[in-house]
All heavy atoms as atom14 arrays in JSON, in Angstrom:
{
  "sequence": "VPVSIVSDSYDIYNACEKIWGEDLRPLIEA",
  "atom14_mask": [
    [1, 1, 1, 1, 1, 1, 1, 0, 0, 0, 0, 0, 0, 0],
    [1, 1, 1, 1, 1, 1, 1, 0, 0, 0, 0, 0, 0, 0],
    [1, 1, 1, 1, 1, 1, 1, 0, 0, 0, 0, 0, 0, 0],
    [1, 1, 1, 1, 1, 1, 0, 0, 0, 0, 0, 0, 0, 0],
    [1, 1, 1, 1, 1, 1, 1, 1, 0, 0, 0, 0, 0, 0],
    [1, 1, 1, 1, 1, 1, 1, 0, 0, 0, 0, 0, 0, 0],
    [1, 1, 1, 1, 1, 1, 0, 0, 0, 0, 0, 0, 0, 0],
    [1, 1, 1, 1, 1, 1, 1, 1, 0, 0, 0, 0, 0, 0],
    [1, 1, 1, 1, 1, 1, 0, 0, 0, 0, 0, 0, 0, 0],
    [1, 1, 1, 1, 1, 1, 1, 1, 1, 1, 1, 1, 0, 0],
    [1, 1, 1, 1, 1, 1, 1, 1, 0, 0, 0, 0, 0, 0],
    [1, 1, 1, 1, 1, 1, 1, 1, 0, 0, 0, 0, 0, 0],
    [1, 1, 1, 1, 1, 1, 1, 1, 1, 1, 1, 1, 0, 0],
    [1, 1, 1, 1, 1, 1, 1, 1, 0, 0, 0, 0, 0, 0],
    [1, 1, 1, 1, 1, 0, 0, 0, 0, 0, 0, 0, 0, 0],
    [1, 1, 1, 1, 1, 1, 0, 0, 0, 0, 0, 0, 0, 0],
    [1, 1, 1, 1, 1, 1, 1, 1, 1, 0, 0, 0, 0, 0],
    [1, 1, 1, 1, 1, 1, 1, 1, 1, 0, 0, 0, 0, 0],
    [1, 1, 1, 1, 1, 1, 1, 1, 0, 0, 0, 0, 0, 0],
    [1, 1, 1, 1, 1, 1, 1, 1, 1, 1, 1, 1, 1, 1],
    [1, 1, 1, 1, 0, 0, 0, 0, 0, 0, 0, 0, 0, 0],
    [1, 1, 1, 1, 1, 1, 1, 1, 1, 0, 0, 0, 0, 0],
    [1, 1, 1, 1, 1, 1, 1, 1, 0, 0, 0, 0, 0, 0],
    [1, 1, 1, 1, 1, 1, 1, 1, 0, 0, 0, 0, 0, 0],
    [1, 1, 1, 1, 1, 1, 1, 1, 1, 1, 1, 0, 0, 0],
    [1, 1, 1, 1, 1, 1, 1, 0, 0, 0, 0, 0, 0, 0],
    [1, 1, 1, 1, 1, 1, 1, 1, 0, 0, 0, 0, 0, 0],
    [1, 1, 1, 1, 1, 1, 1, 1, 0, 0, 0, 0, 0, 0],
    [1, 1, 1, 1, 1, 1, 1, 1, 1, 0, 0, 0, 0, 0],
    [1, 1, 1, 1, 1, 0, 0, 0, 0, 0, 0, 0, 0, 0]
  ],
  "atom14_positions": [
    [[40.33, -106.77, -69.8], [39.91, -105.48, -69.27], [39.18, -105.71, -67.91], [38.61, -106.77, -67.67], [38.98, -104.74, -70.17], [39.69, -104.34, -71.48], [37.74, -105.53, -70.55], [0.0, 0.0, 0.0], [0.0, 0.0, 0.0], [0.0, 0.0, 0.0], [0.0, 0.0, 0.0], [0.0, 0.0, 0.0], [0.0, 0.0, 0.0], [0.0, 0.0, 0.0]],
    [[39.17, -104.7, -67.0], [38.4, -104.83, -65.78], [36.92, -105.03, -66.17], [36.41, -104.48, -67.11], [38.55, -103.54, -65.07], [39.82, -102.94, -65.67], [39.86, -103.4, -67.07], [0.0, 0.0, 0.0], [0.0, 0.0, 0.0], [0.0, 0.0, 0.0], [0.0, 0.0, 0.0], [0.0, 0.0, 0.0], [0.0, 0.0, 0.0], [0.0, 0.0, 0.0]],
    [[36.26, -105.96, -65.44], [34.83, -106.22, -65.74], [34.07, -106.35, -64.43], [34.39, -107.05, -63.56], [34.69, -107.55, -66.57], [35.25, -108.76, -65.86], [33.24, -107.8, -66.91], [0.0, 0.0, 0.0], [0.0, 0.0, 0.0], [0.0, 0.0, 0.0], [0.0, 0.0, 0.0], [0.0, 0.0, 0.0], [0.0, 0.0, 0.0], [0.0, 0.0, 0.0]],
    [[33.02, -105.45, -64.34], [32.18, -105.44, -63.21], [30.89, -106.23, -63.51], [30.26, -105.97, -64.52], [31.84, -103.98, -62.83], [30.82, -103.9, -61.79], [0.0, 0.0, 0.0], [0.0, 0.0, 0.0], [0.0, 0.0, 0.0], [0.0, 0.0, 0.0], [0.0, 0.0, 0.0], [0.0, 0.0, 0.0], [0.0, 0.0, 0.0], [0.0, 0.0, 0.0]],
    [[30.55, -107.2, -62.57], [29.4, -107.96, -62.87], [28.46, -108.03, -61.64], [28.82, -108.31, -60.57], [29.83, -109.48, -63.14], [30.78, -109.54, -64.35], [28.6, -110.38, -63.31], [31.22, -110.88, -64.76], [0.0, 0.0, 0.0], [0.0, 0.0, 0.0], [0.0, 0.0, 0.0], [0.0, 0.0, 0.0], [0.0, 0.0, 0.0], [0.0, 0.0, 0.0]],
    [[27.2, -107.56, -61.94], [26.15, -107.59, -60.92], [25.99, -109.01, -60.45], [25.75, -109.94, -61.2], [24.85, -107.07, -61.45], [23.72, -107.24, -60.43], [24.99, -105.61, -61.77], [0.0, 0.0, 0.0], [0.0, 0.0, 0.0], [0.0, 0.0, 0.0], [0.0, 0.0, 0.0], [0.0, 0.0, 0.0], [0.0, 0.0, 0.0], [0.0, 0.0, 0.0]],
    [[26.16, -109.27, -59.17], [26.08, -110.62, -58.64], [25.06, -110.85, -57.64], [25.09, -111.93, -56.92], [27.51, -110.91, -58.01], [28.56, -110.72, -58.9], [0.0, 0.0, 0.0], [0.0, 0.0, 0.0], [0.0, 0.0, 0.0], [0.0, 0.0, 0.0], [0.0, 0.0, 0.0], [0.0, 0.0, 0.0], [0.0, 0.0, 0.0], [0.0, 0.0, 0.0]],
    [[24.07, -109.98, -57.5], [23.0, -110.2, -56.5], [21.63, -110.44, -57.1], [20.66, -110.22, -56.43], [22.92, -108.92, -55.58], [22.23, -107.82, -56.32], [22.49, -107.6, -57.52], [21.38, -107.12, -55.7], [0.0, 0.0, 0.0], [0.0, 0.0, 0.0], [0.0, 0.0, 0.0], [0.0, 0.0, 0.0], [0.0, 0.0, 0.0], [0.0, 0.0, 0.0]],
    [[21.61, -110.91, -58.37], [20.29, -111.08, -58.98], [19.44, -112.01, -58.13], [18.23, -111.93, -58.08], [20.53, -111.67, -60.38], [21.23, -110.76, -61.23], [0.0, 0.0, 0.0], [0.0, 0.0, 0.0], [0.0, 0.0, 0.0], [0.0, 0.0, 0.0], [0.0, 0.0, 0.0], [0.0, 0.0, 0.0], [0.0, 0.0, 0.0], [0.0, 0.0, 0.0]],
    [[20.07, -112.97, -57.45], [19.37, -113.95, -56.65], [19.97, -114.06, -55.23], [19.27, -113.78, -54.25], [19.37, -115.32, -57.33], [19.0, -115.22, -58.85], [19.92, -115.35, -59.85], [17.66, -114.96, -59.18], [19.61, -115.25, -61.16], [17.31, -114.79, -60.56], [18.26, -114.95, -61.53], [18.01, -114.82, -62.8], [0.0, 0.0, 0.0], [0.0, 0.0, 0.0]],
    [[21.2, -114.43, -55.13], [21.82, -114.6, -53.87], [23.3, -114.17, -53.95], [24.14, -114.98, -54.41], [21.72, -116.05, -53.42], [22.17, -116.26, -51.95], [22.9, -115.43, -51.42], [21.71, -117.29, -51.35], [0.0, 0.0, 0.0], [0.0, 0.0, 0.0], [0.0, 0.0, 0.0], [0.0, 0.0, 0.0], [0.0, 0.0, 0.0], [0.0, 0.0, 0.0]],
    [[23.61, -113.0, -53.51], [25.0, -112.44, -53.66], [25.98, -113.24, -52.84], [27.08, -113.48, -53.34], [25.01, -110.95, -53.15], [26.42, -110.39, -53.16], [24.44, -110.86, -51.79], [27.01, -110.26, -54.52], [0.0, 0.0, 0.0], [0.0, 0.0, 0.0], [0.0, 0.0, 0.0], [0.0, 0.0, 0.0], [0.0, 0.0, 0.0], [0.0, 0.0, 0.0]],
    [[25.53, -113.86, -51.73], [26.48, -114.55, -50.93], [26.81, -115.93, -51.56], [27.92, -116.37, -51.54], [25.92, -114.74, -49.48], [25.5, -113.39, -48.92], [24.14, -113.19, -48.45], [26.39, -112.28, -48.89], [23.79, -111.94, -47.92], [26.02, -111.06, -48.41], [24.71, -110.91, -47.89], [24.3, -109.65, -47.46], [0.0, 0.0, 0.0], [0.0, 0.0, 0.0]],
    [[25.8, -116.55, -52.09], [26.05, -117.82, -52.77], [26.89, -117.55, -54.03], [27.77, -118.37, -54.37], [24.7, -118.49, -53.22], [24.93, -119.76, -54.05], [25.3, -120.79, -53.46], [24.71, -119.64, -55.36], [0.0, 0.0, 0.0], [0.0, 0.0, 0.0], [0.0, 0.0, 0.0], [0.0, 0.0, 0.0], [0.0, 0.0, 0.0], [0.0, 0.0, 0.0]],
    [[26.67, -116.44, -54.71], [27.45, -116.1, -55.89], [28.91, -115.95, -55.55], [29.81, -116.47, -56.23], [26.94, -114.83, -56.52], [0.0, 0.0, 0.0], [0.0, 0.0, 0.0], [0.0, 0.0, 0.0], [0.0, 0.0, 0.0], [0.0, 0.0, 0.0], [0.0, 0.0, 0.0], [0.0, 0.0, 0.0], [0.0, 0.0, 0.0], [0.0, 0.0, 0.0]],
    [[29.17, -115.3, -54.44], [30.61, -115.03, -54.04], [31.25, -116.35, -53.5], [32.42, -116.6, -53.85], [30.68, -114.01, -52.9], [30.29, -112.36, -53.44], [0.0, 0.0, 0.0], [0.0, 0.0, 0.0], [0.0, 0.0, 0.0], [0.0, 0.0, 0.0], [0.0, 0.0, 0.0], [0.0, 0.0, 0.0], [0.0, 0.0, 0.0], [0.0, 0.0, 0.0]],
    [[30.47, -117.12, -52.76], [31.05, -118.32, -52.14], [31.16, -119.51, -53.16], [32.25, -120.12, -53.25], [30.28, -118.76, -50.96], [30.81, -119.97, -50.24], [30.2, -120.25, -48.85], [29.28, -119.43, -48.46], [30.56, -121.24, -48.23], [0.0, 0.0, 0.0], [0.0, 0.0, 0.0], [0.0, 0.0, 0.0], [0.0, 0.0, 0.0], [0.0, 0.0, 0.0]],
    [[30.08, -119.8, -53.86], [30.04, -120.99, -54.7], [30.5, -120.73, -56.15], [31.32, -121.46, -56.71], [28.64, -121.54, -54.68], [28.15, -122.05, -53.28], [29.03, -123.14, -52.74], [28.48, -123.62, -51.38], [29.34, -124.62, -50.8], [0.0, 0.0, 0.0], [0.0, 0.0, 0.0], [0.0, 0.0, 0.0], [0.0, 0.0, 0.0], [0.0, 0.0, 0.0]],
    [[29.93, -119.62, -56.76], [30.16, -119.42, -58.15], [31.57, -118.81, -58.37], [32.44, -119.35, -59.04], [29.08, -118.62, -58.82], [27.69, -119.28, -58.66], [29.38, -118.4, -60.28], [26.54, -118.55, -59.2], [0.0, 0.0, 0.0], [0.0, 0.0, 0.0], [0.0, 0.0, 0.0], [0.0, 0.0, 0.0], [0.0, 0.0, 0.0], [0.0, 0.0, 0.0]],
    [[31.8, -117.62, -57.81], [33.1, -116.97, -57.94], [34.15, -117.68, -57.2], [35.32, -117.9, -57.69], [32.98, -115.54, -57.45], [32.1, -114.62, -58.22], [31.12, -113.76, -57.75], [32.11, -114.44, -59.65], [30.54, -113.12, -58.76], [31.11, -113.47, -59.98], [32.87, -114.95, -60.73], [30.88, -113.02, -61.28], [32.56, -114.54, -61.99], [31.59, -113.58, -62.27]],
    [[33.83, -118.08, -55.98], [34.83, -118.69, -55.09], [35.22, -120.22, -55.37], [36.23, -120.63, -54.89], [0.0, 0.0, 0.0], [0.0, 0.0, 0.0], [0.0, 0.0, 0.0], [0.0, 0.0, 0.0], [0.0, 0.0, 0.0], [0.0, 0.0, 0.0], [0.0, 0.0, 0.0], [0.0, 0.0, 0.0], [0.0, 0.0, 0.0], [0.0, 0.0, 0.0]],
    [[34.33, -120.89, -56.11], [34.56, -122.32, -56.41], [34.5, -122.6, -57.86], [35.45, -122.96, -58.51], [33.64, -123.13, -55.61], [33.84, -123.03, -54.03], [32.86, -123.88, -53.23], [32.12, -124.67, -53.81], [32.78, -123.7, -52.01], [0.0, 0.0, 0.0], [0.0, 0.0, 0.0], [0.0, 0.0, 0.0], [0.0, 0.0, 0.0], [0.0, 0.0, 0.0]],
    [[33.25, -122.5, -58.39], [33.08, -122.94, -59.78], [33.94, -122.22, -60.82], [34.49, -122.87, -61.73], [31.53, -122.71, -60.22], [30.62, -123.56, -59.32], [31.04, -124.54, -58.73], [29.43, -123.17, -59.17], [0.0, 0.0, 0.0], [0.0, 0.0, 0.0], [0.0, 0.0, 0.0], [0.0, 0.0, 0.0], [0.0, 0.0, 0.0], [0.0, 0.0, 0.0]],
    [[34.07, -120.9, -60.66], [34.8, -120.1, -61.64], [36.13, -119.58, -61.12], [36.77, -118.74, -61.73], [33.96, -118.92, -62.12], [32.61, -119.32, -62.8], [31.8, -118.1, -63.15], [32.8, -120.29, -63.94], [0.0, 0.0, 0.0], [0.0, 0.0, 0.0], [0.0, 0.0, 0.0], [0.0, 0.0, 0.0], [0.0, 0.0, 0.0], [0.0, 0.0, 0.0]],
    [[36.53, -120.11, -60.0], [37.74, -119.65, -59.38], [38.99, -119.68, -60.3], [39.79, -118.73, -60.32], [38.02, -120.41, -58.03], [39.32, -119.93, -57.39], [39.49, -120.6, -55.99], [40.78, -120.25, -55.43], [41.13, -120.44, -54.2], [40.22, -121.0, -53.32], [42.36, -120.17, -53.77], [0.0, 0.0, 0.0], [0.0, 0.0, 0.0], [0.0, 0.0, 0.0]],
    [[39.21, -120.72, -61.02], [40.37, -120.79, -61.88], [40.38, -119.66, -62.92], [41.43, -119.08, -63.24], [40.33, -122.13, -62.53], [39.57, -123.0, -61.59], [38.49, -122.09, -61.0], [0.0, 0.0, 0.0], [0.0, 0.0, 0.0], [0.0, 0.0, 0.0], [0.0, 0.0, 0.0], [0.0, 0.0, 0.0], [0.0, 0.0, 0.0], [0.0, 0.0, 0.0]],
    [[39.24, -119.34, -63.46], [39.12, -118.24, -64.41], [39.43, -116.89, -63.78], [40.07, -116.05, -64.44], [37.72, -118.2, -65.03], [37.32, -119.33, -65.96], [35.86, -119.12, -66.44], [38.23, -119.35, -67.21], [0.0, 0.0, 0.0], [0.0, 0.0, 0.0], [0.0, 0.0, 0.0], [0.0, 0.0, 0.0], [0.0, 0.0, 0.0], [0.0, 0.0, 0.0]],
    [[39.02, -116.73, -62.53], [39.26, -115.47, -61.84], [40.77, -115.34, -61.53], [41.4, -114.28, -61.71], [38.49, -115.36, -60.51], [37.0, -115.69, -60.8], [38.66, -114.03, -59.88], [36.39, -114.87, -61.88], [0.0, 0.0, 0.0], [0.0, 0.0, 0.0], [0.0, 0.0, 0.0], [0.0, 0.0, 0.0], [0.0, 0.0, 0.0], [0.0, 0.0, 0.0]],
    [[41.38, -116.42, -61.04], [42.79, -116.41, -60.67], [43.7, -116.13, -61.87], [44.86, -115.72, -61.74], [43.18, -117.7, -59.96], [42.53, -117.84, -58.62], [42.77, -119.18, -57.95], [42.95, -120.17, -58.68], [42.86, -119.19, -56.69], [0.0, 0.0, 0.0], [0.0, 0.0, 0.0], [0.0, 0.0, 0.0], [0.0, 0.0, 0.0], [0.0, 0.0, 0.0]],
    [[43.19, -116.53, -63.06], [43.96, -116.29, -64.31], [43.98, -114.88, -64.78], [44.75, -114.55, -65.69], [43.4, -117.25, -65.36], [0.0, 0.0, 0.0], [0.0, 0.0, 0.0], [0.0, 0.0, 0.0], [0.0, 0.0, 0.0], [0.0, 0.0, 0.0], [0.0, 0.0, 0.0], [0.0, 0.0, 0.0], [0.0, 0.0, 0.0], [0.0, 0.0, 0.0]]
  ]
}
């Protein structure tokens, strides 16, 4: 299902670049 996740608890830009864009990228692409 679509899932919205607050990503600015600390650093929104690091979350987008490192966590979503690198660490968890395979899970997102799936």
